[in-house]
Amino acid sequence: MSRLWEKGLPLDERVLRYTAGEDHKLDSRLVAYDVRASIAHAEMLAEQNLLSMDDCKDIVVGLSRLLADYHAGRWEIRLEDEDVHTALETRLTKLIGAAGGRVHLGRSRNDQVLTAIRLYLRDATEEVGKSVEGLECALAELAKRHDKVDIPGTTHMQHAMPSTVALWSEGFAEAFADARDGLASALRRINKNPLGSAAGYGTPGLNIDRESTTRKLGFAETQTPVTAVQLSRGKAEAGLLFELSLLMQDLGRLATDLLLFYTQEYRYISLAPEVTTGSSIMPQKRNPDVLELVRGAGGTVQACLQECLLIMAKLPSGFQRDLQRIKPPVFRAIDLTVESVDIMAYLVTTVRFLPENIELGEELFATGQAYNLVTTEGIPFREAYRRIAEQLE
């Protein structure tokens, strides 16, 4: 096995295992993106007469075949491959011959991996957004099913003013709509083309066209200067993780409300048996484990953000291998967020409010009564406030 950086010197098995880390497992989600970026790069090289049209055709056909074979389960990324990039180039060269070794001209593994990751992050951001939109729809349906149900609004965990299931649902729906806006803003850093920056200092002596790959890959812009690319590593990832953390915080607050509503003390809602679990010792119990795990998931995603930021902290300019360790927390946070949002959207469809258990005490209407005095008698609000407070003593 010849890795992209190989110079013919022996590599200790322990060193390979440590430096490769989890890449051979994690990179499964990057295969299609590395193929796409490699095809765009090969086509650009051919346009610039740095690669023959025949070689370019062979590379495109070969990479497309390898991708199809990968999806069919005919090969996988192994530890000795180290990562998706070596796995693809090694198999490409074996498949089409010397032309496979020409695809790496004008790029480094540094810009290659970053290009694949940014293409993936772009799609992942869209996937999260679609999941959030599904949750918004579930909340809208919940509000519609229970549009006549009143509930106490609370402040400081105390009953405060009258509210409704619709108002409660719509508040969370707006929070999740805001989360989608936040995800869209995260694309500003993701949607920059790093390809062609190579190891961080460009490709002296080669007349490559970075704008060509920007167009082919659908990036919003070409990242310049080339020295900015490695400085930007981790920032797009951290920006996305920040938005995921905010999203998961709102999801956790929704889960906490539902957990309170489900307690025997509240008894505001029922949950379908299929979204609760039983007790191993108490036959009467149904446990809202899903909601508890969703609530805890926010901490995991926020920890992923902190891990990413700490890895980047105080690194010098240029590429540093530390940055490889950003991949696991980013992938973990994305997966957990999508899973959590989707399961919550499903759970919300099973929620049923029980109005017969919901009481709105007279004191909840105190503020409304004070407002009524202001509008009917023309007195200052503070005077109306005092008079209503005295009536409730």
Protein backbone atom coordinates (compact mmCIF):
# COMPACT_ATOMS: atom_id res chain seq x y z
CA MET A 1 0.00 0.00 0.00
CA SER A 2 1.43 3.38 -1.07
CA ARG A 3 -0.04 6.35 0.76
CA LEU A 4 -0.15 9.80 -0.84
CA TRP A 5 2.80 11.03 1.21
CA GLU A 6 4.83 7.79 0.97
CA LYS A 7 8.55 8.12 0.21
CA GLY A 8 9.47 4.44 0.44
CA LEU A 9 10.53 4.47 4.09
CA PRO A 10 9.16 1.88 6.55
CA LEU A 11 6.19 2.89 8.69
CA ASP A 12 5.71 1.35 12.09
CA GLU A 13 2.28 -0.31 12.44
CA ARG A 14 1.73 1.52 15.72
CA VAL A 15 2.50 4.86 14.09
CA LEU A 16 0.10 4.17 11.24
CA ARG A 17 -2.65 3.18 13.64
CA TYR A 18 -2.13 6.32 15.72
CA THR A 19 -1.77 8.82 12.87
CA ALA A 20 -4.61 7.35 10.79
CA GLY A 21 -6.83 7.40 13.84
CA GLU A 22 -10.47 6.89 12.91
CA ASP A 23 -10.12 8.28 9.39
CA HIS A 24 -10.51 4.92 7.65
CA LYS A 25 -13.88 4.56 9.41
CA LEU A 26 -15.04 8.18 9.37
CA ASP A 27 -14.19 8.78 5.72
CA SER A 28 -16.93 6.47 4.49
CA ARG A 29 -19.20 9.50 4.28
CA LEU A 30 -16.63 11.41 2.21
CA VAL A 31 -16.14 8.93 -0.65
CA ALA A 32 -18.72 10.50 -2.97
CA TYR A 33 -17.46 14.01 -2.20
CA ASP A 34 -13.81 13.13 -2.82
CA VAL A 35 -14.79 11.51 -6.11
CA ARG A 36 -16.73 14.60 -7.14
CA ALA A 37 -13.88 16.95 -6.22
CA SER A 38 -11.31 14.73 -7.96
CA ILE A 39 -13.36 14.69 -11.15
CA ALA A 40 -13.69 18.49 -11.10
CA HIS A 41 -9.93 18.79 -10.50
CA ALA A 42 -9.09 16.41 -13.35
CA GLU A 43 -11.37 18.28 -15.74
CA MET A 44 -9.73 21.55 -14.75
CA LEU A 45 -6.25 20.08 -15.38
CA ALA A 46 -7.38 18.95 -18.84
CA GLU A 47 -8.78 22.42 -19.59
CA GLN A 48 -5.38 23.86 -18.68
CA ASN A 49 -3.52 21.31 -20.84
CA LEU A 50 -1.92 19.83 -17.74
CA LEU A 51 -3.64 16.52 -18.38
CA SER A 52 -4.53 14.88 -21.70
CA MET A 53 -8.18 14.53 -22.58
CA ASP A 54 -7.76 10.75 -22.79
CA ASP A 55 -6.30 10.60 -19.29
CA CYS A 56 -9.04 12.87 -18.02
CA LYS A 57 -11.72 10.63 -19.51
CA ASP A 58 -10.10 7.54 -17.98
CA ILE A 59 -9.93 9.24 -14.58
CA VAL A 60 -13.58 10.31 -14.68
CA VAL A 61 -14.78 6.88 -15.78
CA GLY A 62 -12.52 5.14 -13.28
CA LEU A 63 -13.59 7.29 -10.33
CA SER A 64 -17.27 6.87 -11.25
CA ARG A 65 -16.81 3.12 -11.36
CA LEU A 66 -15.02 3.08 -8.02
CA LEU A 67 -17.86 5.07 -6.45
CA ALA A 68 -20.43 2.64 -7.83
CA ASP A 69 -18.38 -0.30 -6.56
CA TYR A 70 -18.10 1.33 -3.15
CA HIS A 71 -21.85 1.78 -2.87
CA ALA A 72 -22.26 -1.84 -3.97
CA GLY A 73 -20.00 -2.95 -1.12
CA ARG A 74 -17.20 -4.24 -3.35
CA TRP A 75 -14.49 -2.38 -1.45
CA GLU A 76 -14.04 -0.45 1.78
CA ILE A 77 -11.52 1.93 3.31
CA ARG A 78 -9.08 -0.07 5.42
CA LEU A 79 -6.57 1.02 8.04
CA GLU A 80 -3.70 0.44 5.62
CA ASP A 81 -5.42 2.88 3.22
CA GLU A 82 -5.18 5.49 5.99
CA ASP A 83 -7.96 7.63 4.53
CA VAL A 84 -10.41 7.99 1.64
CA HIS A 85 -7.91 9.86 -0.53
CA THR A 86 -5.26 7.16 -0.56
CA ALA A 87 -7.95 4.48 -0.89
CA LEU A 88 -9.36 6.08 -4.03
CA GLU A 89 -6.09 7.02 -5.72
CA THR A 90 -4.53 3.60 -5.08
CA ARG A 91 -7.53 1.79 -6.52
CA LEU A 92 -7.82 4.25 -9.40
CA THR A 93 -4.20 3.67 -10.42
CA LYS A 94 -4.70 -0.07 -10.21
CA LEU A 95 -7.83 0.24 -12.35
CA ILE A 96 -6.66 2.62 -15.12
CA GLY A 97 -2.89 2.57 -14.85
CA ALA A 98 -0.49 5.53 -14.78
CA ALA A 99 -3.23 8.08 -15.47
CA GLY A 100 -4.50 7.48 -11.96
CA GLY A 101 -1.30 8.94 -10.54
CA ARG A 102 -1.73 12.13 -12.55
CA VAL A 103 -4.91 13.29 -10.82
CA HIS A 104 -2.99 14.58 -7.80
CA LEU A 105 -1.11 17.20 -9.83
CA GLY A 106 -1.81 20.69 -8.51
CA ARG A 107 -3.28 19.70 -5.17
CA SER A 108 -2.22 18.37 -1.78
CA ARG A 109 -3.99 16.07 0.60
CA ASN A 110 -4.46 19.23 2.70
CA ASP A 111 -6.76 20.99 0.26
CA GLN A 112 -8.18 17.68 -0.98
CA VAL A 113 -9.57 16.66 2.39
CA LEU A 114 -10.87 20.14 3.15
CA THR A 115 -12.70 20.26 -0.19
CA ALA A 116 -14.42 16.94 0.46
CA ILE A 117 -15.35 17.97 4.00
CA ARG A 118 -16.83 21.28 2.87
CA LEU A 119 -18.89 19.58 0.18
CA TYR A 120 -20.12 17.15 2.84
CA LEU A 121 -20.83 19.92 5.36
CA ARG A 122 -22.88 21.76 2.76
CA ASP A 123 -25.13 18.73 2.30
CA ALA A 124 -25.17 17.95 6.03
CA THR A 125 -26.31 21.49 6.81
CA GLU A 126 -29.15 21.09 4.34
CA GLU A 127 -30.09 17.73 5.88
CA VAL A 128 -30.24 19.23 9.37
CA GLY A 129 -32.37 22.07 8.04
CA LYS A 130 -34.86 19.65 6.50
CA SER A 131 -35.10 17.74 9.77
CA VAL A 132 -35.77 20.98 11.65
CA GLU A 133 -38.44 21.91 9.12
CA GLY A 134 -40.11 18.57 9.83
CA LEU A 135 -40.12 19.36 13.54
CA GLU A 136 -41.70 22.76 12.83
CA CYS A 137 -44.47 21.01 10.90
CA ALA A 138 -45.04 18.58 13.78
CA LEU A 139 -45.37 21.50 16.21
CA ALA A 140 -47.77 23.29 13.86
CA GLU A 141 -49.94 20.17 13.73
CA LEU A 142 -49.82 19.89 17.52
CA ALA A 143 -51.02 23.50 17.83
CA LYS A 144 -53.80 22.80 15.34
CA ARG A 145 -54.96 19.64 17.18
CA HIS A 146 -55.18 21.49 20.50
CA ASP A 147 -55.95 25.04 19.39
CA LYS A 148 -58.71 25.39 22.01
CA VAL A 149 -56.68 24.12 24.97
CA ASP A 150 -55.57 26.70 27.54
CA ILE A 151 -52.48 26.15 29.72
CA PRO A 152 -50.80 28.26 32.38
CA GLY A 153 -47.89 30.33 31.18
CA THR A 154 -45.05 30.28 33.67
CA THR A 155 -42.18 32.46 34.81
CA HIS A 156 -39.69 31.40 37.48
CA MET A 157 -41.35 27.94 37.29
CA GLN A 158 -44.52 29.52 38.74
CA HIS A 159 -47.91 29.98 37.12
CA ALA A 160 -47.91 33.51 35.73
CA MET A 161 -50.41 34.32 32.96
CA PRO A 162 -52.87 32.37 30.82
CA SER A 163 -51.49 30.84 27.66
CA THR A 164 -52.49 28.19 25.14
CA VAL A 165 -51.03 25.06 23.61
CA ALA A 166 -50.95 26.94 20.32
CA LEU A 167 -48.89 29.81 21.78
CA TRP A 168 -46.53 27.35 23.45
CA SER A 169 -46.07 25.34 20.24
CA GLU A 170 -45.68 28.40 18.04
CA GLY A 171 -42.98 29.81 20.31
CA PHE A 172 -40.86 26.72 19.82
CA ALA A 173 -41.65 26.62 16.09
CA GLU A 174 -40.26 30.15 15.74
CA ALA A 175 -37.15 29.14 17.68
CA PHE A 176 -36.55 26.30 15.23
CA ALA A 177 -37.21 28.57 12.25
CA ASP A 178 -34.50 30.82 13.69
CA ALA A 179 -32.24 27.76 13.95
CA ARG A 180 -32.67 27.18 10.21
CA ASP A 181 -31.63 30.78 9.60
CA GLY A 182 -28.58 30.14 11.75
CA LEU A 183 -27.70 27.05 9.72
CA ALA A 184 -27.95 29.10 6.54
CA SER A 185 -25.55 31.66 8.00
CA ALA A 186 -23.05 28.88 8.78
CA LEU A 187 -22.76 28.27 5.04
CA ARG A 188 -20.86 31.55 4.61
CA ARG A 189 -17.62 29.93 5.76
CA ILE A 190 -18.40 26.45 4.43
CA ASN A 191 -19.15 27.53 0.88
CA LYS A 192 -15.60 28.64 -0.06
CA ASN A 193 -13.49 26.59 -2.45
CA PRO A 194 -10.11 25.59 -0.96
CA LEU A 195 -9.08 23.37 -3.89
CA GLY A 196 -5.87 24.45 -5.58
CA SER A 197 -4.39 26.02 -2.48
CA ALA A 198 -2.46 22.72 -2.16
CA ALA A 199 -0.39 22.57 1.02
CA GLY A 200 -1.25 26.18 1.73
CA TYR A 201 1.10 27.96 -0.63
CA GLY A 202 -0.45 27.39 -4.02
CA THR A 203 1.04 25.60 -7.03
CA PRO A 204 4.07 27.59 -8.26
CA GLY A 205 4.88 26.87 -11.89
CA LEU A 206 1.47 25.40 -12.69
CA ASN A 207 -1.18 27.36 -14.50
CA ILE A 208 -4.23 25.97 -12.70
CA ASP A 209 -7.68 27.59 -12.79
CA ARG A 210 -9.22 27.60 -9.33
CA GLU A 211 -12.30 29.43 -10.56
CA SER A 212 -13.06 26.45 -12.78
CA THR A 213 -13.31 24.04 -9.85
CA THR A 214 -15.31 26.63 -7.90
CA ARG A 215 -17.92 26.63 -10.67
CA LYS A 216 -17.89 22.86 -11.13
CA LEU A 217 -18.34 22.18 -7.41
CA GLY A 218 -20.92 24.91 -6.87
CA PHE A 219 -18.95 26.87 -4.29
CA ALA A 220 -20.00 30.48 -3.73
CA GLU A 221 -16.43 31.76 -4.02
CA THR A 222 -12.79 30.77 -4.33
CA GLN A 223 -10.94 31.12 -1.04
CA THR A 224 -8.01 33.50 -1.39
CA PRO A 225 -5.21 34.04 -0.75
CA VAL A 226 -4.01 30.44 -0.65
CA THR A 227 -2.44 31.02 2.77
CA ALA A 228 -5.89 31.78 4.20
CA VAL A 229 -7.15 28.26 3.58
CA GLN A 230 -5.27 26.46 6.34
CA LEU A 231 -5.96 29.33 8.74
CA SER A 232 -9.66 28.80 8.09
CA ARG A 233 -9.65 25.11 8.94
CA GLY A 234 -11.96 24.40 11.83
CA LYS A 235 -13.69 27.76 11.67
CA ALA A 236 -16.44 26.63 9.32
CA GLU A 237 -16.81 23.48 11.37
CA ALA A 238 -16.97 25.45 14.63
CA GLY A 239 -19.50 27.85 13.13
CA LEU A 240 -21.77 24.96 12.20
CA LEU A 241 -21.29 23.31 15.59
CA PHE A 242 -22.25 26.58 17.28
CA GLU A 243 -25.52 26.69 15.36
CA LEU A 244 -26.14 23.03 16.15
CA SER A 245 -25.52 23.77 19.83
CA LEU A 246 -28.12 26.55 19.82
CA LEU A 247 -30.57 24.29 18.01
CA MET A 248 -30.02 21.50 20.51
CA GLN A 249 -30.50 23.90 23.42
CA ASP A 250 -33.96 24.77 22.13
CA LEU A 251 -34.65 21.09 21.54
CA GLY A 252 -33.61 20.38 25.12
CA ARG A 253 -35.96 23.06 26.45
CA LEU A 254 -38.81 21.54 24.46
CA ALA A 255 -37.94 18.14 25.90
CA THR A 256 -37.85 19.56 29.44
CA ASP A 257 -41.28 21.16 29.07
CA LEU A 258 -42.73 17.88 27.84
CA LEU A 259 -41.04 15.98 30.67
CA LEU A 260 -42.69 18.31 33.19
CA PHE A 261 -46.05 18.09 31.45
CA TYR A 262 -45.80 14.28 31.59
CA THR A 263 -45.18 14.05 35.35
CA GLN A 264 -47.94 12.90 37.68
CA GLU A 265 -47.83 16.35 39.30
CA TYR A 266 -48.73 18.05 36.01
CA ARG A 267 -50.52 15.35 33.99
CA TYR A 268 -50.97 17.81 31.13
CA ILE A 269 -50.13 15.29 28.40
CA SER A 270 -50.12 11.65 27.49
CA LEU A 271 -47.42 10.00 25.37
CA ALA A 272 -48.02 7.07 23.08
CA PRO A 273 -46.72 3.74 24.43
CA GLU A 274 -44.43 3.35 21.42
CA VAL A 275 -42.37 6.42 22.42
CA THR A 276 -41.98 5.41 26.05
CA THR A 277 -40.21 2.49 27.72
CA GLY A 278 -41.14 0.20 30.58
CA SER A 279 -39.49 -0.28 33.93
CA SER A 280 -37.50 -3.43 34.67
CA ILE A 281 -38.96 -3.63 38.18
CA MET A 282 -42.13 -1.51 38.36
CA PRO A 283 -44.90 -2.89 36.12
CA GLN A 284 -47.00 0.28 36.25
CA LYS A 285 -44.36 2.68 34.91
CA ARG A 286 -43.85 4.12 31.44
CA ASN A 287 -40.69 6.20 31.14
CA PRO A 288 -40.08 9.14 28.76
CA ASP A 289 -36.52 8.00 27.98
CA VAL A 290 -36.52 9.62 24.54
CA LEU A 291 -37.09 13.07 26.01
CA GLU A 292 -34.39 12.57 28.62
CA LEU A 293 -31.86 11.45 26.03
CA VAL A 294 -32.74 14.38 23.75
CA ARG A 295 -32.22 16.72 26.69
CA GLY A 296 -28.81 15.18 27.35
CA ALA A 297 -27.83 15.26 23.68
CA GLY A 298 -27.47 19.04 23.82
CA GLY A 299 -24.55 18.63 26.20
CA THR A 300 -22.85 16.22 23.83
CA VAL A 301 -23.18 18.60 20.87
CA GLN A 302 -21.91 21.53 22.91
CA ALA A 303 -18.96 19.39 24.02
CA CYS A 304 -18.23 18.72 20.34
CA LEU A 305 -18.07 22.48 19.76
CA GLN A 306 -15.69 22.92 22.68
CA GLU A 307 -13.52 20.04 21.45
CA CYS A 308 -13.26 21.64 18.02
CA LEU A 309 -12.38 25.05 19.45
CA LEU A 310 -9.78 23.63 21.82
CA ILE A 311 -8.07 21.69 19.05
CA MET A 312 -7.70 24.89 17.01
CA ALA A 313 -6.60 27.04 19.92
CA LYS A 314 -3.17 28.67 19.55
CA LEU A 315 -2.06 26.65 16.51
CA PRO A 316 0.47 28.43 14.28
CA SER A 317 -0.36 29.26 10.68
CA GLY A 318 -0.11 26.60 8.00
CA PHE A 319 -1.31 23.01 8.18
CA GLN A 320 -1.01 21.14 11.47
CA ARG A 321 -1.95 17.47 11.87
CA ASP A 322 -3.92 18.38 15.03
CA LEU A 323 -6.68 19.51 12.68
CA GLN A 324 -7.38 15.90 11.72
CA ARG A 325 -8.97 15.46 15.14
CA ILE A 326 -11.75 17.91 14.30
CA LYS A 327 -13.47 15.33 12.13
CA PRO A 328 -14.84 13.04 14.90
CA PRO A 329 -16.65 15.73 16.94
CA VAL A 330 -18.06 17.36 13.80
CA PHE A 331 -19.46 14.12 12.42
CA ARG A 332 -20.70 13.04 15.85
CA ALA A 333 -22.55 16.32 16.42
CA ILE A 334 -24.19 16.29 12.99
CA ASP A 335 -25.38 12.70 13.36
CA LEU A 336 -26.69 13.22 16.89
CA THR A 337 -28.50 16.45 15.94
CA VAL A 338 -30.29 14.88 12.98
CA GLU A 339 -31.25 11.82 15.03
CA SER A 340 -32.49 13.96 17.94
CA VAL A 341 -34.53 16.37 15.82
CA ASP A 342 -36.11 13.54 13.83
CA ILE A 343 -37.05 11.51 16.91
CA MET A 344 -38.50 14.60 18.58
CA ALA A 345 -40.58 15.39 15.49
CA TYR A 346 -41.97 11.86 15.64
CA LEU A 347 -42.63 12.04 19.39
CA VAL A 348 -44.47 15.37 19.05
CA THR A 349 -46.96 13.71 16.69
CA THR A 350 -47.93 11.36 19.54
CA VAL A 351 -48.42 14.04 22.22
CA ARG A 352 -51.96 14.48 23.45
CA PHE A 353 -52.89 17.30 25.86
CA LEU A 354 -55.41 16.45 28.58
CA PRO A 355 -57.47 19.62 29.23
CA GLU A 356 -59.41 17.92 32.02
CA ASN A 357 -56.18 17.93 34.08
CA ILE A 358 -55.21 21.54 33.33
CA GLU A 359 -56.39 24.20 35.75
CA LEU A 360 -56.03 27.96 35.31
CA GLY A 361 -56.40 29.66 38.69
CA GLU A 362 -58.05 33.05 39.03
CA GLU A 363 -54.74 34.67 39.90
CA LEU A 364 -53.47 34.01 36.34
CA PHE A 365 -55.84 36.72 35.07
CA ALA A 366 -54.54 39.43 37.43
CA THR A 367 -52.46 41.23 34.82
CA GLY A 368 -55.38 41.25 32.39
CA GLN A 369 -57.61 42.70 35.10
CA ALA A 370 -55.07 45.46 35.77
CA TYR A 371 -54.96 46.28 32.07
CA ASN A 372 -58.77 46.43 32.06
CA LEU A 373 -58.75 49.01 34.87
CA VAL A 374 -56.27 51.14 32.92
CA THR A 375 -58.39 51.10 29.77
CA THR A 376 -61.79 51.54 31.48
CA GLU A 377 -60.89 54.01 34.24
CA GLY A 378 -57.89 55.74 32.72
CA ILE A 379 -55.75 55.24 35.83
CA PRO A 380 -51.98 54.67 35.75
CA PHE A 381 -50.90 51.06 35.46
CA ARG A 382 -49.11 51.16 38.83
CA GLU A 383 -52.35 52.18 40.51
CA ALA A 384 -54.25 49.41 38.71
CA TYR A 385 -51.51 46.95 39.69
CA ARG A 386 -51.84 47.94 43.39
CA ARG A 387 -55.62 47.65 43.42
CA ILE A 388 -55.63 44.17 41.86
CA ALA A 389 -52.84 43.03 44.21
CA GLU A 390 -54.91 44.14 47.20
CA GLN A 391 -57.92 42.17 45.96
CA LEU A 392 -55.77 39.02 45.75
CA GLU A 393 -54.31 39.33 49.28
